[in-house]
Amino acid sequence: MRPRKLLRRISGGNYANVRFVDLVRLIEACEFELVRVSGSHHIFAHSDVPGLVNLQELAGTAKPYQVRQVLRLLERYDLQPEADS
């Protein structure tokens, strides 16, 4: 799913059944960079956002609470996907 379409979907409150790779595409389109992978934990950082973002894959999907966290973070720092890639 394209990053902007996914952002619209989760902005509507649909946090369940979000593919992990789609959530990764979304945060990478918002200029987050993968810092490291430790086991199932994928750690991302952004130059304008303090702290790190931790995402975990669960059977191909992202955990719903982590999808909510990403949405809140994007809204708080007014981050938007740069381009649909």
PDB file of N, CA and C in Angstrom:
ATOM      1  N   MET A   1       0.850  -1.170   0.000  1.00  0.00           N
ATOM      2  CA  MET A   1       0.000   0.000   0.000  1.00  0.00           C
ATOM      3  C   MET A   1       0.900   1.240   0.000  1.00  0.00           C
ATOM      4  N   ARG A   2       0.510   2.225  -0.749  1.00  0.00           N
ATOM      5  CA  ARG A   2       1.302   3.453  -0.826  1.00  0.00           C
ATOM      6  C   ARG A   2       1.238   4.211   0.507  1.00  0.00           C
ATOM      7  N   PRO A   3       2.330   4.904   0.856  1.00  0.00           N
ATOM      8  CA  PRO A   3       2.389   5.578   2.155  1.00  0.00           C
ATOM      9  C   PRO A   3       1.242   6.549   2.426  1.00  0.00           C
ATOM     10  N   ARG A   4       0.881   7.374   1.458  1.00  0.00           N
ATOM     11  CA  ARG A   4      -0.208   8.340   1.692  1.00  0.00           C
ATOM     12  C   ARG A   4      -1.545   7.637   1.905  1.00  0.00           C
ATOM     13  N   LYS A   5      -1.786   6.577   1.171  1.00  0.00           N
ATOM     14  CA  LYS A   5      -3.032   5.825   1.321  1.00  0.00           C
ATOM     15  C   LYS A   5      -3.083   5.161   2.695  1.00  0.00           C
ATOM     16  N   LEU A   6      -1.957   4.600   3.130  1.00  0.00           N
ATOM     17  CA  LEU A   6      -1.906   3.982   4.451  1.00  0.00           C
ATOM     18  C   LEU A   6      -2.128   5.032   5.535  1.00  0.00           C
ATOM     19  N   LEU A   7      -1.538   6.199   5.375  1.00  0.00           N
ATOM     20  CA  LEU A   7      -1.717   7.262   6.363  1.00  0.00           C
ATOM     21  C   LEU A   7      -3.189   7.661   6.462  1.00  0.00           C
ATOM     22  N   ARG A   8      -3.868   7.771   5.337  1.00  0.00           N
ATOM     23  CA  ARG A   8      -5.312   8.078   5.360  1.00  0.00           C
ATOM     24  C   ARG A   8      -6.078   6.971   6.078  1.00  0.00           C
ATOM     25  N   ARG A   9      -5.707   5.730   5.813  1.00  0.00           N
ATOM     26  CA  ARG A   9      -6.401   4.589   6.419  1.00  0.00           C
ATOM     27  C   ARG A   9      -6.243   4.582   7.935  1.00  0.00           C
ATOM     28  N   ILE A  10      -5.019   4.738   8.414  1.00  0.00           N
ATOM     29  CA  ILE A  10      -4.824   4.681   9.863  1.00  0.00           C
ATOM     30  C   ILE A  10      -5.319   5.961  10.544  1.00  0.00           C
ATOM     31  N   SER A  11      -5.354   7.071   9.820  1.00  0.00           N
ATOM     32  CA  SER A  11      -5.910   8.309  10.384  1.00  0.00           C
ATOM     33  C   SER A  11      -7.396   8.146  10.667  1.00  0.00           C
ATOM     34  N   GLY A  12      -8.035   7.258   9.938  1.00  0.00           N
ATOM     35  CA  GLY A  12      -9.445   6.969  10.154  1.00  0.00           C
ATOM     36  C   GLY A  12      -9.695   6.010  11.301  1.00  0.00           C
ATOM     37  N   GLY A  13      -8.634   5.569  11.972  1.00  0.00           N
ATOM     38  CA  GLY A  13      -8.786   4.698  13.133  1.00  0.00           C
ATOM     39  C   GLY A  13      -8.647   3.221  12.847  1.00  0.00           C
ATOM     40  N   ASN A  14      -8.246   2.856  11.645  1.00  0.00           N
ATOM     41  CA  ASN A  14      -8.097   1.444  11.298  1.00  0.00           C
ATOM     42  C   ASN A  14      -6.649   1.013  11.537  1.00  0.00           C
ATOM     43  N   TYR A  15      -6.360   0.561  12.774  1.00  0.00           N
ATOM     44  CA  TYR A  15      -4.996   0.205  13.150  1.00  0.00           C
ATOM     45  C   TYR A  15      -4.692  -1.276  12.968  1.00  0.00           C
ATOM     46  N   ALA A  16      -5.712  -2.085  12.815  1.00  0.00           N
ATOM     47  CA  ALA A  16      -5.526  -3.535  12.733  1.00  0.00           C
ATOM     48  C   ALA A  16      -5.186  -3.956  11.307  1.00  0.00           C
ATOM     49  N   ASN A  17      -4.507  -5.048  11.194  1.00  0.00           N
ATOM     50  CA  ASN A  17      -4.169  -5.665   9.911  1.00  0.00           C
ATOM     51  C   ASN A  17      -3.373  -4.749   8.987  1.00  0.00           C
ATOM     52  N   VAL A  18      -2.469  -3.973   9.563  1.00  0.00           N
ATOM     53  CA  VAL A  18      -1.565  -3.146   8.770  1.00  0.00           C
ATOM     54  C   VAL A  18      -0.319  -3.976   8.512  1.00  0.00           C
ATOM     55  N   ARG A  19       0.000  -4.169   7.254  1.00  0.00           N
ATOM     56  CA  ARG A  19       1.192  -4.951   6.928  1.00  0.00           C
ATOM     57  C   ARG A  19       2.433  -4.242   7.444  1.00  0.00           C
ATOM     58  N   PHE A  20       3.334  -5.018   8.024  1.00  0.00           N
ATOM     59  CA  PHE A  20       4.560  -4.463   8.589  1.00  0.00           C
ATOM     60  C   PHE A  20       5.364  -3.710   7.538  1.00  0.00           C
ATOM     61  N   VAL A  21       5.496  -4.292   6.355  1.00  0.00           N
ATOM     62  CA  VAL A  21       6.290  -3.639   5.304  1.00  0.00           C
ATOM     63  C   VAL A  21       5.655  -2.316   4.877  1.00  0.00           C
ATOM     64  N   ASP A  22       4.326  -2.221   4.922  1.00  0.00           N
ATOM     65  CA  ASP A  22       3.655  -0.969   4.571  1.00  0.00           C
ATOM     66  C   ASP A  22       3.928   0.110   5.617  1.00  0.00           C
ATOM     67  N   LEU A  23       3.923  -0.271   6.895  1.00  0.00           N
ATOM     68  CA  LEU A  23       4.218   0.698   7.948  1.00  0.00           C
ATOM     69  C   LEU A  23       5.666   1.167   7.854  1.00  0.00           C
ATOM     70  N   VAL A  24       6.571   0.259   7.527  1.00  0.00           N
ATOM     71  CA  VAL A  24       7.974   0.635   7.341  1.00  0.00           C
ATOM     72  C   VAL A  24       8.099   1.596   6.159  1.00  0.00           C
ATOM     73  N   ARG A  25       7.404   1.323   5.068  1.00  0.00           N
ATOM     74  CA  ARG A  25       7.424   2.236   3.911  1.00  0.00           C
ATOM     75  C   ARG A  25       6.924   3.626   4.304  1.00  0.00           C
ATOM     76  N   LEU A  26       5.875   3.664   5.124  1.00  0.00           N
ATOM     77  CA  LEU A  26       5.312   4.941   5.554  1.00  0.00           C
ATOM     78  C   LEU A  26       6.327   5.742   6.359  1.00  0.00           C
ATOM     79  N   ILE A  27       6.941   5.138   7.357  1.00  0.00           N
ATOM     80  CA  ILE A  27       7.856   5.939   8.172  1.00  0.00           C
ATOM     81  C   ILE A  27       9.135   6.277   7.412  1.00  0.00           C
ATOM     82  N   GLU A  28       9.545   5.414   6.501  1.00  0.00           N
ATOM     83  CA  GLU A  28      10.710   5.758   5.678  1.00  0.00           C
ATOM     84  C   GLU A  28      10.374   6.898   4.712  1.00  0.00           C
ATOM     85  N   ALA A  29       9.134   6.949   4.232  1.00  0.00           N
ATOM     86  CA  ALA A  29       8.707   8.053   3.366  1.00  0.00           C
ATOM     87  C   ALA A  29       8.622   9.363   4.147  1.00  0.00           C
ATOM     88  N   CYS A  30       8.532   9.259   5.474  1.00  0.00           N
ATOM     89  CA  CYS A  30       8.529  10.438   6.346  1.00  0.00           C
ATOM     90  C   CYS A  30       9.934  10.746   6.855  1.00  0.00           C
ATOM     91  N   GLU A  31      10.934  10.213   6.189  1.00  0.00           N
ATOM     92  CA  GLU A  31      12.351  10.476   6.437  1.00  0.00           C
ATOM     93  C   GLU A  31      12.912   9.849   7.712  1.00  0.00           C
ATOM     94  N   PHE A  32      12.279   8.796   8.210  1.00  0.00           N
ATOM     95  CA  PHE A  32      12.885   8.029   9.293  1.00  0.00           C
ATOM     96  C   PHE A  32      13.904   7.085   8.673  1.00  0.00           C
ATOM     97  N   GLU A  33      14.947   6.786   9.422  1.00  0.00           N
ATOM     98  CA  GLU A  33      15.980   5.869   8.945  1.00  0.00           C
ATOM     99  C   GLU A  33      16.087   4.687   9.891  1.00  0.00           C
ATOM    100  N   LEU A  34      16.284   3.518   9.321  1.00  0.00           N
ATOM    101  CA  LEU A  34      16.493   2.320  10.121  1.00  0.00           C
ATOM    102  C   LEU A  34      17.876   2.410  10.753  1.00  0.00           C
ATOM    103  N   VAL A  35      17.911   2.425  12.082  1.00  0.00           N
ATOM    104  CA  VAL A  35      19.165   2.549  12.811  1.00  0.00           C
ATOM    105  C   VAL A  35      19.773   1.177  13.052  1.00  0.00           C
ATOM    106  N   ARG A  36      18.924   0.253  13.509  1.00  0.00           N
ATOM    107  CA  ARG A  36      19.413  -1.102  13.763  1.00  0.00           C
ATOM    108  C   ARG A  36      18.233  -2.061  13.870  1.00  0.00           C
ATOM    109  N   VAL A  37      18.555  -3.338  13.766  1.00  0.00           N
ATOM    110  CA  VAL A  37      17.592  -4.407  13.983  1.00  0.00           C
ATOM    111  C   VAL A  37      18.174  -5.290  15.069  1.00  0.00           C
ATOM    112  N   SER A  38      17.398  -5.506  16.104  1.00  0.00           N
ATOM    113  CA  SER A  38      17.826  -6.358  17.205  1.00  0.00           C
ATOM    114  C   SER A  38      16.733  -7.393  17.435  1.00  0.00           C
ATOM    115  N   GLY A  39      16.951  -8.582  16.914  1.00  0.00           N
ATOM    116  CA  GLY A  39      15.912  -9.606  16.976  1.00  0.00           C
ATOM    117  C   GLY A  39      14.739  -9.190  16.117  1.00  0.00           C
ATOM    118  N   SER A  40      13.558  -9.111  16.734  1.00  0.00           N
ATOM    119  CA  SER A  40      12.368  -8.693  15.985  1.00  0.00           C
ATOM    120  C   SER A  40      12.146  -7.186  16.056  1.00  0.00           C
ATOM    121  N   HIS A  41      13.002  -6.478  16.777  1.00  0.00           N
ATOM    122  CA  HIS A  41      12.845  -5.037  16.966  1.00  0.00           C
ATOM    123  C   HIS A  41      13.560  -4.269  15.862  1.00  0.00           C
ATOM    124  N   HIS A  42      12.807  -3.486  15.120  1.00  0.00           N
ATOM    125  CA  HIS A  42      13.355  -2.606  14.089  1.00  0.00           C
ATOM    126  C   HIS A  42      13.320  -1.195  14.673  1.00  0.00           C
ATOM    127  N   ILE A  43      14.489  -0.585  14.820  1.00  0.00           N
ATOM    128  CA  ILE A  43      14.615   0.703  15.482  1.00  0.00           C
ATOM    129  C   ILE A  43      14.856   1.788  14.434  1.00  0.00           C
ATOM    130  N   PHE A  44      14.002   2.824  14.452  1.00  0.00           N
ATOM    131  CA  PHE A  44      14.075   3.921  13.493  1.00  0.00           C
ATOM    132  C   PHE A  44      14.321   5.235  14.222  1.00  0.00           C
ATOM    133  N   ALA A  45      14.990   6.162  13.530  1.00  0.00           N
ATOM    134  CA  ALA A  45      15.255   7.489  14.080  1.00  0.00           C
ATOM    135  C   ALA A  45      14.963   8.544  13.020  1.00  0.00           C
ATOM    136  N   HIS A  46      14.686   9.752  13.489  1.00  0.00           N
ATOM    137  CA  HIS A  46      14.429  10.899  12.612  1.00  0.00           C
ATOM    138  C   HIS A  46      15.189  12.082  13.186  1.00  0.00           C
ATOM    139  N   SER A  47      15.793  12.870  12.333  1.00  0.00           N
ATOM    140  CA  SER A  47      16.624  13.983  12.796  1.00  0.00           C
ATOM    141  C   SER A  47      15.835  15.045  13.571  1.00  0.00           C
ATOM    142  N   ASP A  48      14.541  15.199  13.303  1.00  0.00           N
ATOM    143  CA  ASP A  48      13.737  16.229  13.968  1.00  0.00           C
ATOM    144  C   ASP A  48      12.884  15.693  15.111  1.00  0.00           C
ATOM    145  N   VAL A  49      12.970  14.396  15.380  1.00  0.00           N
ATOM    146  CA  VAL A  49      12.142  13.775  16.409  1.00  0.00           C
ATOM    147  C   VAL A  49      13.054  13.195  17.489  1.00  0.00           C
ATOM    148  N   PRO A  50      12.873  13.633  18.741  1.00  0.00           N
ATOM    149  CA  PRO A  50      13.696  13.051  19.804  1.00  0.00           C
ATOM    150  C   PRO A  50      13.292  11.603  20.073  1.00  0.00           C
ATOM    151  N   GLY A  51      14.249  10.800  20.415  1.00  0.00           N
ATOM    152  CA  GLY A  51      13.964   9.409  20.725  1.00  0.00           C
ATOM    153  C   GLY A  51      13.959   8.527  19.494  1.00  0.00           C
ATOM    154  N   LEU A  52      13.603   7.277  19.720  1.00  0.00           N
ATOM    155  CA  LEU A  52      13.598   6.268  18.668  1.00  0.00           C
ATOM    156  C   LEU A  52      12.204   5.682  18.517  1.00  0.00           C
ATOM    157  N   VAL A  53      11.948   5.073  17.376  1.00  0.00           N
ATOM    158  CA  VAL A  53      10.690   4.380  17.116  1.00  0.00           C
ATOM    159  C   VAL A  53      11.009   2.903  16.974  1.00  0.00           C
ATOM    160  N   ASN A  54      10.323   2.093  17.762  1.00  0.00           N
ATOM    161  CA  ASN A  54      10.528   0.656  17.752  1.00  0.00           C
ATOM    162  C   ASN A  54       9.318  -0.016  17.107  1.00  0.00           C
ATOM    163  N   LEU A  55       9.553  -0.814  16.080  1.00  0.00           N
ATOM    164  CA  LEU A  55       8.472  -1.559  15.432  1.00  0.00           C
ATOM    165  C   LEU A  55       8.798  -3.039  15.463  1.00  0.00           C
ATOM    166  N   GLN A  56       7.759  -3.845  15.646  1.00  0.00           N
ATOM    167  CA  GLN A  56       7.925  -5.292  15.640  1.00  0.00           C
ATOM    168  C   GLN A  56       6.922  -5.912  14.678  1.00  0.00           C
ATOM    169  N   GLU A  57       7.389  -6.902  13.965  1.00  0.00           N
ATOM    170  CA  GLU A  57       6.529  -7.638  13.045  1.00  0.00           C
ATOM    171  C   GLU A  57       5.901  -8.803  13.790  1.00  0.00           C
ATOM    172  N   LEU A  58       4.622  -9.024  13.571  1.00  0.00           N
ATOM    173  CA  LEU A  58       3.915 -10.139  14.176  1.00  0.00           C
ATOM    174  C   LEU A  58       3.121 -10.834  13.077  1.00  0.00           C
ATOM    175  N   ALA A  59       3.650 -11.936  12.574  1.00  0.00           N
ATOM    176  CA  ALA A  59       2.995 -12.708  11.507  1.00  0.00           C
ATOM    177  C   ALA A  59       2.714 -11.845  10.277  1.00  0.00           C
ATOM    178  N   GLY A  60       3.670 -10.991   9.917  1.00  0.00           N
ATOM    179  CA  GLY A  60       3.535 -10.176   8.717  1.00  0.00           C
ATOM    180  C   GLY A  60       2.822  -8.853   8.916  1.00  0.00           C
ATOM    181  N   THR A  61       2.272  -8.629  10.107  1.00  0.00           N
ATOM    182  CA  THR A  61       1.567  -7.380  10.371  1.00  0.00           C
ATOM    183  C   THR A  61       2.278  -6.596  11.467  1.00  0.00           C
ATOM    184  N   ALA A  62       1.965  -5.311  11.534  1.00  0.00           N
ATOM    185  CA  ALA A  62       2.486  -4.458  12.601  1.00  0.00           C
ATOM    186  C   ALA A  62       1.533  -4.548  13.788  1.00  0.00           C
ATOM    187  N   LYS A  63       2.081  -4.402  14.970  1.00  0.00           N
ATOM    188  CA  LYS A  63       1.243  -4.431  16.164  1.00  0.00           C
ATOM    189  C   LYS A  63       0.383  -3.165  16.190  1.00  0.00           C
ATOM    190  N   PRO A  64      -0.931  -3.309  16.443  1.00  0.00           N
ATOM    191  CA  PRO A  64      -1.838  -2.152  16.392  1.00  0.00           C
ATOM    192  C   PRO A  64      -1.418  -0.993  17.295  1.00  0.00           C
ATOM    193  N   TYR A  65      -0.902  -1.278  18.490  1.00  0.00           N
ATOM    194  CA  TYR A  65      -0.509  -0.175  19.366  1.00  0.00           C
ATOM    195  C   TYR A  65       0.678   0.583  18.788  1.00  0.00           C
ATOM    196  N   GLN A  66       1.533  -0.096  18.039  1.00  0.00           N
ATOM    197  CA  GLN A  66       2.665   0.582  17.419  1.00  0.00           C
ATOM    198  C   GLN A  66       2.207   1.410  16.218  1.00  0.00           C
ATOM    199  N   VAL A  67       1.180   0.959  15.525  1.00  0.00           N
ATOM    200  CA  VAL A  67       0.602   1.745  14.425  1.00  0.00           C
ATOM    201  C   VAL A  67       0.044   3.050  14.992  1.00  0.00           C
ATOM    202  N   ARG A  68      -0.673   2.971  16.126  1.00  0.00           N
ATOM    203  CA  ARG A  68      -1.198   4.177  16.785  1.00  0.00           C
ATOM    204  C   ARG A  68      -0.064   5.108  17.205  1.00  0.00           C
ATOM    205  N   GLN A  69       1.009   4.535  17.746  1.00  0.00           N
ATOM    206  CA  GLN A  69       2.150   5.354  18.170  1.00  0.00           C
ATOM    207  C   GLN A  69       2.764   6.098  16.987  1.00  0.00           C
ATOM    208  N   VAL A  70       2.915   5.408  15.865  1.00  0.00           N
ATOM    209  CA  VAL A  70       3.479   6.046  14.671  1.00  0.00           C
ATOM    210  C   VAL A  70       2.564   7.176  14.213  1.00  0.00           C
ATOM    211  N   LEU A  71       1.261   6.946  14.175  1.00  0.00           N
ATOM    212  CA  LEU A  71       0.316   7.982  13.756  1.00  0.00           C
ATOM    213  C   LEU A  71       0.411   9.203  14.665  1.00  0.00           C
ATOM    214  N   ARG A  72       0.423   8.989  15.973  1.00  0.00           N
ATOM    215  CA  ARG A  72       0.520  10.110  16.918  1.00  0.00           C
ATOM    216  C   ARG A  72       1.816  10.882  16.724  1.00  0.00           C
ATOM    217  N   LEU A  73       2.895  10.165  16.480  1.00  0.00           N
ATOM    218  CA  LEU A  73       4.197  10.797  16.264  1.00  0.00           C
ATOM    219  C   LEU A  73       4.186  11.652  14.997  1.00  0.00           C
ATOM    220  N   LEU A  74       3.624  11.110  13.917  1.00  0.00           N
ATOM    221  CA  LEU A  74       3.551  11.860  12.663  1.00  0.00           C
ATOM    222  C   LEU A  74       2.692  13.111  12.826  1.00  0.00           C
ATOM    223  N   GLU A  75       1.585  12.985  13.564  1.00  0.00           N
ATOM    224  CA  GLU A  75       0.712  14.138  13.792  1.00  0.00           C
ATOM    225  C   GLU A  75       1.384  15.169  14.693  1.00  0.00           C
ATOM    226  N   ARG A  76       2.042  14.708  15.746  1.00  0.00           N
ATOM    227  CA  ARG A  76       2.675  15.614  16.707  1.00  0.00           C
ATOM    228  C   ARG A  76       3.763  16.471  16.063  1.00  0.00           C
ATOM    229  N   TYR A  77       4.556  15.858  15.196  1.00  0.00           N
ATOM    230  CA  TYR A  77       5.661  16.570  14.565  1.00  0.00           C
ATOM    231  C   TYR A  77       5.335  17.022  13.142  1.00  0.00           C
ATOM    232  N   ASP A  78       4.060  16.897  12.761  1.00  0.00           N
ATOM    233  CA  ASP A  78       3.579  17.337  11.451  1.00  0.00           C
ATOM    234  C   ASP A  78       4.432  16.771  10.311  1.00  0.00           C
ATOM    235  N   LEU A  79       4.639  15.467  10.348  1.00  0.00           N
ATOM    236  CA  LEU A  79       5.428  14.787   9.318  1.00  0.00           C
ATOM    237  C   LEU A  79       4.490  14.157   8.301  1.00  0.00           C
ATOM    238  N   GLN A  80       4.821  14.303   7.041  1.00  0.00           N
ATOM    239  CA  GLN A  80       4.038  13.740   5.944  1.00  0.00           C
ATOM    240  C   GLN A  80       4.958  12.931   5.043  1.00  0.00           C
ATOM    241  N   PRO A  81       4.422  11.903   4.390  1.00  0.00           N
ATOM    242  CA  PRO A  81       5.244  11.162   3.424  1.00  0.00           C
ATOM    243  C   PRO A  81       5.694  12.087   2.307  1.00  0.00           C
ATOM    244  N   GLU A  82       6.957  11.980   1.942  1.00  0.00           N
ATOM    245  CA  GLU A  82       7.509  12.832   0.882  1.00  0.00           C
ATOM    246  C   GLU A  82       6.920  12.491  -0.476  1.00  0.00           C
ATOM    247  N   ALA A  83       6.906  11.210  -0.801  1.00  0.00           N
ATOM    248  CA  ALA A  83       6.394  10.781  -2.107  1.00  0.00           C
ATOM    249  C   ALA A  83       5.944   9.339  -1.992  1.00  0.00           C
ATOM    250  N   ASP A  84       4.997   8.970  -2.821  1.00  0.00           N
ATOM    251  CA  ASP A  84       4.575   7.571  -2.868  1.00  0.00           C
ATOM    252  C   ASP A  84       5.579   6.798  -3.691  1.00  0.00           C
ATOM    253  N   SER A  85       6.262   5.889  -3.023  1.00  0.00           N
ATOM    254  CA  SER A  85       7.253   5.085  -3.744  1.00  0.00           C
ATOM    255  C   SER A  85       6.957   3.627  -3.598  1.00  0.00           C
TER     256      SER A  85
END
